[in-house]
Amino acid sequence: MDIKKTARYYTLTNSKGASVVLSELGACIVSICVPDKDGKLADVVLGYDSQEAYYHDGPFLGKVPGRFANRIANGKFTLDGVEYTLPINNGPNSLHGGPEGFAERIWDSRIVGDAVEFMYFSEDGEQGYPGNLKVVAHYEWSEDCELKLTFTAECDAPTVVNLTNHVYFNLDGEGSGTILDHMLKLNCSEYLPTDDTQIPLGDSEPVAGTPMDFVNAKPIGRDIRADFGPLKIGNGYDHCWVIDGAEPGQLQAAAKLWSEKSGRLVEIFTTQPGIQVYTGNWLAGCPVGKSGHVYGNNYGVALECQHFPDSPNKPEYPSTVLRPGEVYQEAIIFAFRTVE
């Protein structure tokens, strides 16, 4: 990977002084500065000071993974009777589109009105995926401190697509410690159990009566060390929850995260059917963060709105197949405010 090409950075600022910084590398969210309950601005997303640190970082901080976010079992899937083989980069599985996926690419960019658009053209066969694919990530930042991310994609041959943003939040400010005392509420009454390589087993199961239950808000850390198989597999939370009431093309509330300490809150809405909650269980050892901060495990939480992991191998899941003439379109909104 040639890291000599410098990625452009864009800063979007509203009249409150709240801002978002975006980068062409991985269509990345580099920074989000929003006020706390006293009006003090702080950066609430994890990231690095240098462009070089973003390449091949284990946590995928703030970047857009692709062509398929999350895991595909054994790096294989069959589409229209043809088997495709993908690079293996996570145990026996392919993760986030492979080792040279969208997150490691410098996207083209442009300003569109008050928004920023990033475009990436993925060639047929790139990381094993079929068909040429054009992807656009469109970011808007509002006066109400809402960051709206819209994905669109088109292809010239049948393929599979699953896109999200892998931003990590710490609402007390990045580098300020763990998020274990953050409150989390999920609009999800079921989740997807997995095998020990984190591939979903199939059917979803109720969260009721398990540590996976965030239907009523609770601190992230309350049950994270519970004697419960799924939590041991991922060293904490790293599962996909099924969003209640999800309908294709319709925005639905997915999650609400807040810190009692700072008073900052982010509510997440999406058109996608699932949300992967990853509590930064392996952050220790990643590149040094912003301002020299060293991130430890659980220093941030990723709330990744997406289709279900391994969907290409599970026809019972909402389809991730995109065909010529169709337009893939999904949206995620991160709405920031303070606790009332």
C-alpha atoms as a PDB file:
ATOM      1  CA  MET A   1       0.000   0.000   0.000  1.00  0.00           C
ATOM      2  CA  ASP A   2       1.450   3.355  -1.060  1.00  0.00           C
ATOM      3  CA  ILE A   3       0.940   5.721   1.844  1.00  0.00           C
ATOM      4  CA  LYS A   4       2.662   8.583   0.082  1.00  0.00           C
ATOM      5  CA  LYS A   5      -0.607   9.740  -1.429  1.00  0.00           C
ATOM      6  CA  THR A   6      -2.015  12.278   0.967  1.00  0.00           C
ATOM      7  CA  ALA A   7      -5.698  11.999   1.787  1.00  0.00           C
ATOM      8  CA  ARG A   8      -7.770  15.162   1.804  1.00  0.00           C
ATOM      9  CA  TYR A   9      -9.483  16.108   5.061  1.00  0.00           C
ATOM     10  CA  TYR A  10     -12.748  18.008   5.346  1.00  0.00           C
ATOM     11  CA  THR A  11     -14.130  19.880   8.359  1.00  0.00           C
ATOM     12  CA  LEU A  12     -17.853  20.551   8.686  1.00  0.00           C
ATOM     13  CA  THR A  13     -18.757  23.085  11.414  1.00  0.00           C
ATOM     14  CA  ASN A  14     -22.167  24.359  12.497  1.00  0.00           C
ATOM     15  CA  SER A  15     -23.063  27.656  14.171  1.00  0.00           C
ATOM     16  CA  LYS A  16     -22.656  26.092  17.631  1.00  0.00           C
ATOM     17  CA  GLY A  17     -19.006  25.399  16.842  1.00  0.00           C
ATOM     18  CA  ALA A  18     -19.645  21.656  16.811  1.00  0.00           C
ATOM     19  CA  SER A  19     -17.685  19.976  14.047  1.00  0.00           C
ATOM     20  CA  VAL A  20     -16.954  16.794  12.117  1.00  0.00           C
ATOM     21  CA  VAL A  21     -13.665  15.962  10.403  1.00  0.00           C
ATOM     22  CA  LEU A  22     -13.698  13.466   7.533  1.00  0.00           C
ATOM     23  CA  SER A  23     -10.897  11.855   5.525  1.00  0.00           C
ATOM     24  CA  GLU A  24     -10.612  10.335   2.058  1.00  0.00           C
ATOM     25  CA  LEU A  25      -8.811   7.333   3.548  1.00  0.00           C
ATOM     26  CA  GLY A  26     -11.580   4.826   4.142  1.00  0.00           C
ATOM     27  CA  ALA A  27     -14.225   7.605   3.904  1.00  0.00           C
ATOM     28  CA  CYS A  28     -13.309   8.008   7.557  1.00  0.00           C
ATOM     29  CA  ILE A  29     -14.902   9.907  10.447  1.00  0.00           C
ATOM     30  CA  VAL A  30     -11.752  11.320  12.043  1.00  0.00           C
ATOM     31  CA  SER A  31     -13.339  13.570  14.653  1.00  0.00           C
ATOM     32  CA  ILE A  32     -16.688  14.675  16.052  1.00  0.00           C
ATOM     33  CA  CYS A  33     -16.580  17.578  18.507  1.00  0.00           C
ATOM     34  CA  VAL A  34     -19.848  18.192  20.349  1.00  0.00           C
ATOM     35  CA  PRO A  35     -20.782  20.043  23.558  1.00  0.00           C
ATOM     36  CA  ASP A  36     -21.301  18.477  26.970  1.00  0.00           C
ATOM     37  CA  LYS A  37     -24.008  19.486  29.469  1.00  0.00           C
ATOM     38  CA  ASP A  38     -22.000  22.638  30.289  1.00  0.00           C
ATOM     39  CA  GLY A  39     -21.436  23.545  26.647  1.00  0.00           C
ATOM     40  CA  LYS A  40     -17.812  22.418  26.601  1.00  0.00           C
ATOM     41  CA  LEU A  41     -16.720  20.923  23.283  1.00  0.00           C
ATOM     42  CA  ALA A  42     -14.751  17.684  23.125  1.00  0.00           C
ATOM     43  CA  ASP A  43     -13.873  15.110  20.479  1.00  0.00           C
ATOM     44  CA  VAL A  44     -15.992  12.023  21.168  1.00  0.00           C
ATOM     45  CA  VAL A  45     -14.581   9.572  18.600  1.00  0.00           C
ATOM     46  CA  LEU A  46     -11.386   7.553  18.721  1.00  0.00           C
ATOM     47  CA  GLY A  47      -8.757   8.200  16.081  1.00  0.00           C
ATOM     48  CA  TYR A  48      -5.124   8.848  15.253  1.00  0.00           C
ATOM     49  CA  ASP A  49      -3.007  11.941  14.647  1.00  0.00           C
ATOM     50  CA  SER A  50      -1.372  10.606  11.472  1.00  0.00           C
ATOM     51  CA  GLN A  51      -2.730   9.274   8.209  1.00  0.00           C
ATOM     52  CA  GLU A  52      -0.235   6.410   8.286  1.00  0.00           C
ATOM     53  CA  ALA A  53      -1.699   5.054  11.534  1.00  0.00           C
ATOM     54  CA  TYR A  54      -5.061   4.487   9.864  1.00  0.00           C
ATOM     55  CA  TYR A  55      -3.678   1.971   7.368  1.00  0.00           C
ATOM     56  CA  HIS A  56      -4.347  -1.613   8.419  1.00  0.00           C
ATOM     57  CA  ASP A  57      -5.176  -0.654  11.993  1.00  0.00           C
ATOM     58  CA  GLY A  58      -6.860  -3.567  13.724  1.00  0.00           C
ATOM     59  CA  PRO A  59      -9.833  -1.574  15.078  1.00  0.00           C
ATOM     60  CA  PHE A  60     -10.798   0.098  11.728  1.00  0.00           C
ATOM     61  CA  LEU A  61     -11.252   3.372  13.631  1.00  0.00           C
ATOM     62  CA  GLY A  62     -13.915   5.521  11.952  1.00  0.00           C
ATOM     63  CA  LYS A  63     -13.566   3.880   8.546  1.00  0.00           C
ATOM     64  CA  VAL A  64     -16.019   2.347   6.067  1.00  0.00           C
ATOM     65  CA  PRO A  65     -15.350  -1.390   5.677  1.00  0.00           C
ATOM     66  CA  GLY A  66     -16.308  -3.081   2.443  1.00  0.00           C
ATOM     67  CA  ARG A  67     -17.252  -4.592   0.105  1.00  0.00           C
ATOM     68  CA  PHE A  68     -18.860  -6.590   2.927  1.00  0.00           C
ATOM     69  CA  ALA A  69     -18.719  -5.325   6.512  1.00  0.00           C
ATOM     70  CA  ASN A  70     -18.367  -7.965   9.253  1.00  0.00           C
ATOM     71  CA  ARG A  71     -17.604 -11.646   8.714  1.00  0.00           C
ATOM     72  CA  ILE A  72     -18.182 -14.137   5.905  1.00  0.00           C
ATOM     73  CA  ALA A  73     -17.669 -17.742   7.011  1.00  0.00           C
ATOM     74  CA  ASN A  74     -14.508 -19.407   5.701  1.00  0.00           C
ATOM     75  CA  GLY A  75     -14.121 -16.620   3.136  1.00  0.00           C
ATOM     76  CA  LYS A  76     -16.551 -18.294   0.750  1.00  0.00           C
ATOM     77  CA  PHE A  77     -20.041 -17.690  -0.618  1.00  0.00           C
ATOM     78  CA  THR A  78     -22.046 -18.875  -3.596  1.00  0.00           C
ATOM     79  CA  LEU A  79     -24.023 -16.511  -5.806  1.00  0.00           C
ATOM     80  CA  ASP A  80     -26.087 -17.714  -8.788  1.00  0.00           C
ATOM     81  CA  GLY A  81     -24.358 -21.084  -8.602  1.00  0.00           C
ATOM     82  CA  VAL A  82     -20.814 -19.702  -8.656  1.00  0.00           C
ATOM     83  CA  GLU A  83     -18.581 -20.008  -5.579  1.00  0.00           C
ATOM     84  CA  TYR A  84     -16.380 -17.048  -4.726  1.00  0.00           C
ATOM     85  CA  THR A  85     -13.305 -17.186  -2.489  1.00  0.00           C
ATOM     86  CA  LEU A  86     -12.253 -14.208  -0.367  1.00  0.00           C
ATOM     87  CA  PRO A  87      -9.055 -13.498   1.575  1.00  0.00           C
ATOM     88  CA  ILE A  88      -9.017 -14.913   5.115  1.00  0.00           C
ATOM     89  CA  ASN A  89      -8.075 -12.257   7.681  1.00  0.00           C
ATOM     90  CA  ASN A  90      -9.959 -13.114  10.884  1.00  0.00           C
ATOM     91  CA  GLY A  91      -9.419 -16.643  12.163  1.00  0.00           C
ATOM     92  CA  PRO A  92     -10.931 -18.866   9.459  1.00  0.00           C
ATOM     93  CA  ASN A  93     -13.146 -16.074   8.121  1.00  0.00           C
ATOM     94  CA  SER A  94     -13.050 -13.008   5.895  1.00  0.00           C
ATOM     95  CA  LEU A  95     -13.644  -9.767   7.842  1.00  0.00           C
ATOM     96  CA  HIS A  96     -14.670  -6.306   6.609  1.00  0.00           C
ATOM     97  CA  GLY A  97     -14.000  -7.000   2.935  1.00  0.00           C
ATOM     98  CA  GLY A  98     -10.517  -8.445   3.383  1.00  0.00           C
ATOM     99  CA  PRO A  99      -7.070  -7.060   4.248  1.00  0.00           C
ATOM    100  CA  GLU A 100      -7.139  -4.570   1.353  1.00  0.00           C
ATOM    101  CA  GLY A 101     -10.818  -3.647   1.547  1.00  0.00           C
ATOM    102  CA  PHE A 102     -12.512  -0.264   1.243  1.00  0.00           C
ATOM    103  CA  ALA A 103     -11.167   0.855   4.640  1.00  0.00           C
ATOM    104  CA  GLU A 104      -7.602   0.806   3.265  1.00  0.00           C
ATOM    105  CA  ARG A 105      -8.360   2.772   0.099  1.00  0.00           C
ATOM    106  CA  ILE A 106      -8.202   6.479  -0.616  1.00  0.00           C
ATOM    107  CA  TRP A 107     -11.619   7.438  -1.979  1.00  0.00           C
ATOM    108  CA  ASP A 108     -12.319  10.239  -4.423  1.00  0.00           C
ATOM    109  CA  SER A 109     -14.103  13.186  -2.816  1.00  0.00           C
ATOM    110  CA  ARG A 110     -16.054  16.325  -3.559  1.00  0.00           C
ATOM    111  CA  ILE A 111     -18.091  18.989  -1.809  1.00  0.00           C
ATOM    112  CA  VAL A 112     -21.808  18.906  -2.641  1.00  0.00           C
ATOM    113  CA  GLY A 113     -23.525  21.961  -1.185  1.00  0.00           C
ATOM    114  CA  ASP A 114     -22.997  21.712   2.574  1.00  0.00           C
ATOM    115  CA  ALA A 115     -22.168  18.006   2.372  1.00  0.00           C
ATOM    116  CA  VAL A 116     -19.103  15.926   1.521  1.00  0.00           C
ATOM    117  CA  GLU A 117     -19.226  12.907  -0.772  1.00  0.00           C
ATOM    118  CA  PHE A 118     -16.668  10.140  -1.090  1.00  0.00           C
ATOM    119  CA  MET A 119     -16.666   7.756  -4.055  1.00  0.00           C
ATOM    120  CA  TYR A 120     -14.845   4.488  -4.504  1.00  0.00           C
ATOM    121  CA  PHE A 121     -14.810   2.291  -7.611  1.00  0.00           C
ATOM    122  CA  SER A 122     -14.178  -1.343  -6.700  1.00  0.00           C
ATOM    123  CA  GLU A 123     -13.072  -3.426  -9.645  1.00  0.00           C
ATOM    124  CA  ASP A 124     -14.399  -6.867 -10.531  1.00  0.00           C
ATOM    125  CA  GLY A 125     -12.414  -9.460  -8.595  1.00  0.00           C
ATOM    126  CA  GLU A 126     -11.048  -7.013  -6.004  1.00  0.00           C
ATOM    127  CA  GLN A 127     -10.567  -9.003  -2.777  1.00  0.00           C
ATOM    128  CA  GLY A 128     -12.423 -11.847  -4.494  1.00  0.00           C
ATOM    129  CA  TYR A 129     -15.772 -10.089  -4.978  1.00  0.00           C
ATOM    130  CA  PRO A 130     -17.553 -10.265  -8.342  1.00  0.00           C
ATOM    131  CA  GLY A 131     -18.578  -7.299 -10.467  1.00  0.00           C
ATOM    132  CA  ASN A 132     -17.465  -3.693 -10.748  1.00  0.00           C
ATOM    133  CA  LEU A 133     -19.038  -1.659  -7.950  1.00  0.00           C
ATOM    134  CA  LYS A 134     -19.343   2.111  -7.574  1.00  0.00           C
ATOM    135  CA  VAL A 135     -19.923   3.221  -3.976  1.00  0.00           C
ATOM    136  CA  VAL A 136     -20.767   6.698  -2.683  1.00  0.00           C
ATOM    137  CA  ALA A 137     -20.696   7.735   0.997  1.00  0.00           C
ATOM    138  CA  HIS A 138     -22.503  11.051   1.519  1.00  0.00           C
ATOM    139  CA  TYR A 139     -22.020  12.912   4.837  1.00  0.00           C
ATOM    140  CA  GLU A 140     -24.137  15.838   6.080  1.00  0.00           C
ATOM    141  CA  TRP A 141     -23.689  17.724   9.389  1.00  0.00           C
ATOM    142  CA  SER A 142     -26.653  19.719  10.653  1.00  0.00           C
ATOM    143  CA  GLU A 143     -27.239  22.721  12.905  1.00  0.00           C
ATOM    144  CA  ASP A 144     -28.794  20.238  15.352  1.00  0.00           C
ATOM    145  CA  CYS A 145     -25.562  18.209  15.540  1.00  0.00           C
ATOM    146  CA  GLU A 146     -26.879  15.333  13.467  1.00  0.00           C
ATOM    147  CA  LEU A 147     -24.423  13.496  11.224  1.00  0.00           C
ATOM    148  CA  LYS A 148     -26.249  11.747   8.394  1.00  0.00           C
ATOM    149  CA  LEU A 149     -24.407   9.134   6.362  1.00  0.00           C
ATOM    150  CA  THR A 150     -26.048   7.827   3.205  1.00  0.00           C
ATOM    151  CA  PHE A 151     -24.564   4.986   1.173  1.00  0.00           C
ATOM    152  CA  THR A 152     -25.428   4.280  -2.447  1.00  0.00           C
ATOM    153  CA  ALA A 153     -23.925   1.654  -4.714  1.00  0.00           C
ATOM    154  CA  GLU A 154     -24.409   0.273  -8.217  1.00  0.00           C
ATOM    155  CA  CYS A 155     -22.854  -2.704  -9.979  1.00  0.00           C
ATOM    156  CA  ASP A 156     -22.479  -4.222 -13.451  1.00  0.00           C
ATOM    157  CA  ALA A 157     -22.727  -7.865 -12.328  1.00  0.00           C
ATOM    158  CA  PRO A 158     -24.414  -9.624  -9.394  1.00  0.00           C
ATOM    159  CA  THR A 159     -22.478  -9.104  -6.151  1.00  0.00           C
ATOM    160  CA  VAL A 160     -22.957  -8.732  -2.398  1.00  0.00           C
ATOM    161  CA  VAL A 161     -22.729  -5.465  -0.474  1.00  0.00           C
ATOM    162  CA  ASN A 162     -22.852  -4.584   3.222  1.00  0.00           C
ATOM    163  CA  LEU A 163     -21.668  -1.130   4.296  1.00  0.00           C
ATOM    164  CA  THR A 164     -21.376   0.650   7.637  1.00  0.00           C
ATOM    165  CA  ASN A 165     -19.109   3.054   9.468  1.00  0.00           C
ATOM    166  CA  HIS A 166     -16.823   1.651  12.170  1.00  0.00           C
ATOM    167  CA  VAL A 167     -16.681   4.792  14.332  1.00  0.00           C
ATOM    168  CA  TYR A 168     -15.957   4.337  18.053  1.00  0.00           C
ATOM    169  CA  PHE A 169     -17.569   6.611  20.624  1.00  0.00           C
ATOM    170  CA  ASN A 170     -16.421   7.780  24.025  1.00  0.00           C
ATOM    171  CA  LEU A 171     -18.849  10.494  25.067  1.00  0.00           C
ATOM    172  CA  ASP A 172     -16.570  11.733  27.856  1.00  0.00           C
ATOM    173  CA  GLY A 173     -13.978  12.515  25.190  1.00  0.00           C
ATOM    174  CA  GLU A 174     -11.588  10.221  23.353  1.00  0.00           C
ATOM    175  CA  GLY A 175      -8.731   9.022  25.541  1.00  0.00           C
ATOM    176  CA  SER A 176     -10.651   9.705  28.760  1.00  0.00           C
ATOM    177  CA  GLY A 177     -10.921   6.086  29.921  1.00  0.00           C
ATOM    178  CA  THR A 178     -13.341   3.246  29.402  1.00  0.00           C
ATOM    179  CA  ILE A 179     -16.936   3.392  28.226  1.00  0.00           C
ATOM    180  CA  LEU A 180     -18.059   0.751  30.720  1.00  0.00           C
ATOM    181  CA  ASP A 181     -20.123   3.296  32.673  1.00  0.00           C
ATOM    182  CA  HIS A 182     -21.816   4.641  29.516  1.00  0.00           C
ATOM    183  CA  MET A 183     -25.519   3.872  29.383  1.00  0.00           C
ATOM    184  CA  LEU A 184     -26.728   1.907  26.356  1.00  0.00           C
ATOM    185  CA  LYS A 185     -30.253   1.244  25.175  1.00  0.00           C
ATOM    186  CA  LEU A 186     -30.930  -0.904  22.100  1.00  0.00           C
ATOM    187  CA  ASN A 187     -34.188  -1.104  20.184  1.00  0.00           C
ATOM    188  CA  CYS A 188     -33.533  -4.811  19.865  1.00  0.00           C
ATOM    189  CA  SER A 189     -35.329  -7.698  21.573  1.00  0.00           C
ATOM    190  CA  GLU A 190     -33.284 -10.379  19.765  1.00  0.00           C
ATOM    191  CA  TYR A 191     -29.644 -10.978  18.848  1.00  0.00           C
ATOM    192  CA  LEU A 192     -27.692 -13.436  16.690  1.00  0.00           C
ATOM    193  CA  PRO A 193     -25.766 -16.088  18.655  1.00  0.00           C
ATOM    194  CA  THR A 194     -22.522 -17.159  16.990  1.00  0.00           C
ATOM    195  CA  ASP A 195     -20.048 -20.005  16.896  1.00  0.00           C
ATOM    196  CA  ASP A 196     -16.634 -19.537  18.474  1.00  0.00           C
ATOM    197  CA  THR A 197     -15.340 -17.776  15.329  1.00  0.00           C
ATOM    198  CA  GLN A 198     -18.189 -15.238  15.598  1.00  0.00           C
ATOM    199  CA  ILE A 199     -20.207 -16.502  12.644  1.00  0.00           C
ATOM    200  CA  PRO A 200     -23.962 -16.434  13.361  1.00  0.00           C
ATOM    201  CA  LEU A 201     -25.455 -19.863  13.937  1.00  0.00           C
ATOM    202  CA  GLY A 202     -28.694 -18.960  12.166  1.00  0.00           C
ATOM    203  CA  ASP A 203     -31.866 -17.949  13.969  1.00  0.00           C
ATOM    204  CA  SER A 204     -31.959 -14.992  16.327  1.00  0.00           C
ATOM    205  CA  GLU A 205     -32.715 -15.520  20.005  1.00  0.00           C
ATOM    206  CA  PRO A 206     -34.452 -13.333  22.602  1.00  0.00           C
ATOM    207  CA  VAL A 207     -32.204 -11.157  24.747  1.00  0.00           C
ATOM    208  CA  ALA A 208     -34.602 -11.368  27.693  1.00  0.00           C
ATOM    209  CA  GLY A 209     -32.988 -12.907  30.734  1.00  0.00           C
ATOM    210  CA  THR A 210     -29.467 -12.708  29.287  1.00  0.00           C
ATOM    211  CA  PRO A 211     -26.581 -10.219  29.524  1.00  0.00           C
ATOM    212  CA  MET A 212     -27.414  -9.259  25.924  1.00  0.00           C
ATOM    213  CA  ASP A 213     -30.543  -7.410  27.075  1.00  0.00           C
ATOM    214  CA  PHE A 214     -30.312  -3.656  26.515  1.00  0.00           C
ATOM    215  CA  VAL A 215     -34.026  -3.144  25.861  1.00  0.00           C
ATOM    216  CA  ASN A 216     -33.969  -1.128  29.072  1.00  0.00           C
ATOM    217  CA  ALA A 217     -30.906   1.082  29.369  1.00  0.00           C
ATOM    218  CA  LYS A 218     -28.051  -0.169  31.526  1.00  0.00           C
ATOM    219  CA  PRO A 219     -24.323   0.509  31.925  1.00  0.00           C
ATOM    220  CA  ILE A 220     -22.306  -1.292  29.259  1.00  0.00           C
ATOM    221  CA  GLY A 221     -20.068  -2.757  31.933  1.00  0.00           C
ATOM    222  CA  ARG A 222     -22.799  -4.151  34.159  1.00  0.00           C
ATOM    223  CA  ASP A 223     -22.846  -7.629  32.614  1.00  0.00           C
ATOM    224  CA  ILE A 224     -19.819  -7.560  30.320  1.00  0.00           C
ATOM    225  CA  ARG A 225     -17.891 -10.061  32.464  1.00  0.00           C
ATOM    226  CA  ALA A 226     -20.869 -12.337  33.093  1.00  0.00           C
ATOM    227  CA  ASP A 227     -20.410 -16.105  32.896  1.00  0.00           C
ATOM    228  CA  PHE A 228     -22.095 -16.253  29.498  1.00  0.00           C
ATOM    229  CA  GLY A 229     -20.711 -18.040  26.439  1.00  0.00           C
ATOM    230  CA  PRO A 230     -21.162 -15.297  23.816  1.00  0.00           C
ATOM    231  CA  LEU A 231     -19.315 -12.749  25.972  1.00  0.00           C
ATOM    232  CA  LYS A 232     -16.397 -15.123  26.452  1.00  0.00           C
ATOM    233  CA  ILE A 233     -16.100 -15.674  22.686  1.00  0.00           C
ATOM    234  CA  GLY A 234     -15.590 -11.970  21.990  1.00  0.00           C
ATOM    235  CA  ASN A 235     -13.898 -10.920  25.249  1.00  0.00           C
ATOM    236  CA  GLY A 236     -16.974  -8.717  25.738  1.00  0.00           C
ATOM    237  CA  TYR A 237     -19.785  -7.545  23.489  1.00  0.00           C
ATOM    238  CA  ASP A 238     -19.174  -8.165  19.775  1.00  0.00           C
ATOM    239  CA  HIS A 239     -22.480  -9.360  18.367  1.00  0.00           C
ATOM    240  CA  CYS A 240     -25.187  -8.317  15.954  1.00  0.00           C
ATOM    241  CA  TRP A 241     -28.572  -7.382  17.376  1.00  0.00           C
ATOM    242  CA  VAL A 242     -31.780  -7.473  15.314  1.00  0.00           C
ATOM    243  CA  ILE A 243     -33.450  -4.054  15.206  1.00  0.00           C
ATOM    244  CA  ASP A 244     -37.114  -4.213  16.201  1.00  0.00           C
ATOM    245  CA  GLY A 245     -39.498  -3.014  13.511  1.00  0.00           C
ATOM    246  CA  ALA A 246     -36.824  -2.705  10.816  1.00  0.00           C
ATOM    247  CA  GLU A 247     -38.254  -2.276   7.317  1.00  0.00           C
ATOM    248  CA  PRO A 248     -36.209  -1.833   4.131  1.00  0.00           C
ATOM    249  CA  GLY A 249     -35.788   1.831   3.262  1.00  0.00           C
ATOM    250  CA  GLN A 250     -37.364   3.124   6.475  1.00  0.00           C
ATOM    251  CA  LEU A 251     -35.446   4.903   9.211  1.00  0.00           C
ATOM    252  CA  GLN A 252     -35.825   3.198  12.579  1.00  0.00           C
ATOM    253  CA  ALA A 253     -34.404   3.959  16.010  1.00  0.00           C
ATOM    254  CA  ALA A 254     -31.553   1.537  16.679  1.00  0.00           C
ATOM    255  CA  ALA A 255     -29.636   2.663  19.760  1.00  0.00           C
ATOM    256  CA  LYS A 256     -29.149   5.368  22.344  1.00  0.00           C
ATOM    257  CA  LEU A 257     -25.824   5.865  24.132  1.00  0.00           C
ATOM    258  CA  TRP A 258     -25.107   8.437  26.818  1.00  0.00           C
ATOM    259  CA  SER A 259     -22.728   9.378  29.598  1.00  0.00           C
ATOM    260  CA  GLU A 260     -24.087  10.607  32.892  1.00  0.00           C
ATOM    261  CA  LYS A 261     -20.683  12.184  33.556  1.00  0.00           C
ATOM    262  CA  SER A 262     -20.520  14.462  30.502  1.00  0.00           C
ATOM    263  CA  GLY A 263     -24.225  14.584  29.761  1.00  0.00           C
ATOM    264  CA  ARG A 264     -23.544  13.870  26.095  1.00  0.00           C
ATOM    265  CA  LEU A 265     -25.942  11.557  24.259  1.00  0.00           C
ATOM    266  CA  VAL A 266     -26.007  10.072  20.778  1.00  0.00           C
ATOM    267  CA  GLU A 267     -29.095   8.472  19.285  1.00  0.00           C
ATOM    268  CA  ILE A 268     -28.692   6.301  16.198  1.00  0.00           C
ATOM    269  CA  PHE A 269     -31.261   5.758  13.461  1.00  0.00           C
ATOM    270  CA  THR A 270     -30.842   3.541  10.416  1.00  0.00           C
ATOM    271  CA  THR A 271     -32.516   1.831   7.481  1.00  0.00           C
ATOM    272  CA  GLN A 272     -30.437  -1.296   8.142  1.00  0.00           C
ATOM    273  CA  PRO A 273     -31.803  -4.432   9.883  1.00  0.00           C
ATOM    274  CA  GLY A 274     -28.999  -4.984  12.399  1.00  0.00           C
ATOM    275  CA  ILE A 275     -26.541  -3.266  14.695  1.00  0.00           C
ATOM    276  CA  GLN A 276     -23.208  -4.769  15.681  1.00  0.00           C
ATOM    277  CA  VAL A 277     -22.169  -3.635  19.144  1.00  0.00           C
ATOM    278  CA  TYR A 278     -18.421  -3.920  19.697  1.00  0.00           C
ATOM    279  CA  THR A 279     -17.092  -2.694  23.025  1.00  0.00           C
ATOM    280  CA  GLY A 280     -13.476  -2.259  21.902  1.00  0.00           C
ATOM    281  CA  ASN A 281     -12.415  -5.508  23.537  1.00  0.00           C
ATOM    282  CA  TRP A 282      -9.064  -5.646  21.714  1.00  0.00           C
ATOM    283  CA  LEU A 283      -8.151  -1.955  21.451  1.00  0.00           C
ATOM    284  CA  ALA A 284      -5.023  -2.298  23.575  1.00  0.00           C
ATOM    285  CA  GLY A 285      -1.970  -2.309  21.345  1.00  0.00           C
ATOM    286  CA  CYS A 286      -3.516  -0.314  18.503  1.00  0.00           C
ATOM    287  CA  PRO A 287      -1.567   2.720  17.216  1.00  0.00           C
ATOM    288  CA  VAL A 288      -1.235   5.662  19.589  1.00  0.00           C
ATOM    289  CA  GLY A 289      -4.365   7.787  19.468  1.00  0.00           C
ATOM    290  CA  LYS A 290      -4.954  11.506  19.127  1.00  0.00           C
ATOM    291  CA  SER A 291      -2.875  13.872  21.246  1.00  0.00           C
ATOM    292  CA  GLY A 292      -0.705  10.966  22.367  1.00  0.00           C
ATOM    293  CA  HIS A 293      -3.553   9.138  24.071  1.00  0.00           C
ATOM    294  CA  VAL A 294      -2.960   5.417  24.461  1.00  0.00           C
ATOM    295  CA  TYR A 295      -6.208   3.498  24.054  1.00  0.00           C
ATOM    296  CA  GLY A 296      -6.889   0.492  26.234  1.00  0.00           C
ATOM    297  CA  ASN A 297      -9.550  -2.173  25.937  1.00  0.00           C
ATOM    298  CA  ASN A 298     -13.091  -0.770  26.231  1.00  0.00           C
ATOM    299  CA  TYR A 299     -11.944   2.824  25.630  1.00  0.00           C
ATOM    300  CA  GLY A 300     -14.587   3.157  22.922  1.00  0.00           C
ATOM    301  CA  VAL A 301     -17.732   1.449  21.671  1.00  0.00           C
ATOM    302  CA  ALA A 302     -18.626   0.889  18.009  1.00  0.00           C
ATOM    303  CA  LEU A 303     -22.321   0.798  17.126  1.00  0.00           C
ATOM    304  CA  GLU A 304     -22.257  -0.445  13.538  1.00  0.00           C
ATOM    305  CA  CYS A 305     -25.579  -0.360  11.678  1.00  0.00           C
ATOM    306  CA  GLN A 306     -25.438  -3.037   8.987  1.00  0.00           C
ATOM    307  CA  HIS A 307     -26.911  -6.172   7.476  1.00  0.00           C
ATOM    308  CA  PHE A 308     -26.320  -9.404   9.346  1.00  0.00           C
ATOM    309  CA  PRO A 309     -22.895 -11.093   9.322  1.00  0.00           C
ATOM    310  CA  ASP A 310     -22.489 -13.992   6.867  1.00  0.00           C
ATOM    311  CA  SER A 311     -25.718 -13.027   5.064  1.00  0.00           C
ATOM    312  CA  PRO A 312     -24.449 -14.335   1.680  1.00  0.00           C
ATOM    313  CA  ASN A 313     -24.416 -17.839   3.203  1.00  0.00           C
ATOM    314  CA  LYS A 314     -27.746 -17.534   5.011  1.00  0.00           C
ATOM    315  CA  PRO A 315     -30.693 -17.152   2.635  1.00  0.00           C
ATOM    316  CA  GLU A 316     -33.044 -16.715   5.600  1.00  0.00           C
ATOM    317  CA  TYR A 317     -31.403 -13.351   6.398  1.00  0.00           C
ATOM    318  CA  PRO A 318     -32.329 -10.093   4.617  1.00  0.00           C
ATOM    319  CA  SER A 319     -30.558 -10.220   1.277  1.00  0.00           C
ATOM    320  CA  THR A 320     -27.271  -8.422   0.649  1.00  0.00           C
ATOM    321  CA  VAL A 321     -27.285  -9.284  -3.076  1.00  0.00           C
ATOM    322  CA  LEU A 322     -27.090  -6.352  -5.485  1.00  0.00           C
ATOM    323  CA  ARG A 323     -27.802  -6.826  -9.175  1.00  0.00           C
ATOM    324  CA  PRO A 324     -27.266  -4.634 -12.251  1.00  0.00           C
ATOM    325  CA  GLY A 325     -29.988  -2.013 -12.556  1.00  0.00           C
ATOM    326  CA  GLU A 326     -30.594  -1.948  -8.804  1.00  0.00           C
ATOM    327  CA  VAL A 327     -29.373   0.762  -6.420  1.00  0.00           C
ATOM    328  CA  TYR A 328     -28.120  -0.139  -2.962  1.00  0.00           C
ATOM    329  CA  GLN A 329     -29.172   2.626  -0.584  1.00  0.00           C
ATOM    330  CA  GLU A 330     -28.858   2.705   3.198  1.00  0.00           C
ATOM    331  CA  ALA A 331     -28.700   5.490   5.773  1.00  0.00           C
ATOM    332  CA  ILE A 332     -27.334   5.982   9.286  1.00  0.00           C
ATOM    333  CA  ILE A 333     -27.956   9.054  11.453  1.00  0.00           C
ATOM    334  CA  PHE A 334     -25.910   9.896  14.559  1.00  0.00           C
ATOM    335  CA  ALA A 335     -27.933  12.518  16.462  1.00  0.00           C
ATOM    336  CA  PHE A 336     -26.005  14.234  19.278  1.00  0.00           C
ATOM    337  CA  ARG A 337     -27.556  16.151  22.136  1.00  0.00           C
ATOM    338  CA  THR A 338     -27.289  16.378  25.918  1.00  0.00           C
ATOM    339  CA  VAL A 339     -29.199  14.443  28.550  1.00  0.00           C
ATOM    340  CA  GLU A 340     -32.264  16.349  29.726  1.00  0.00           C
END
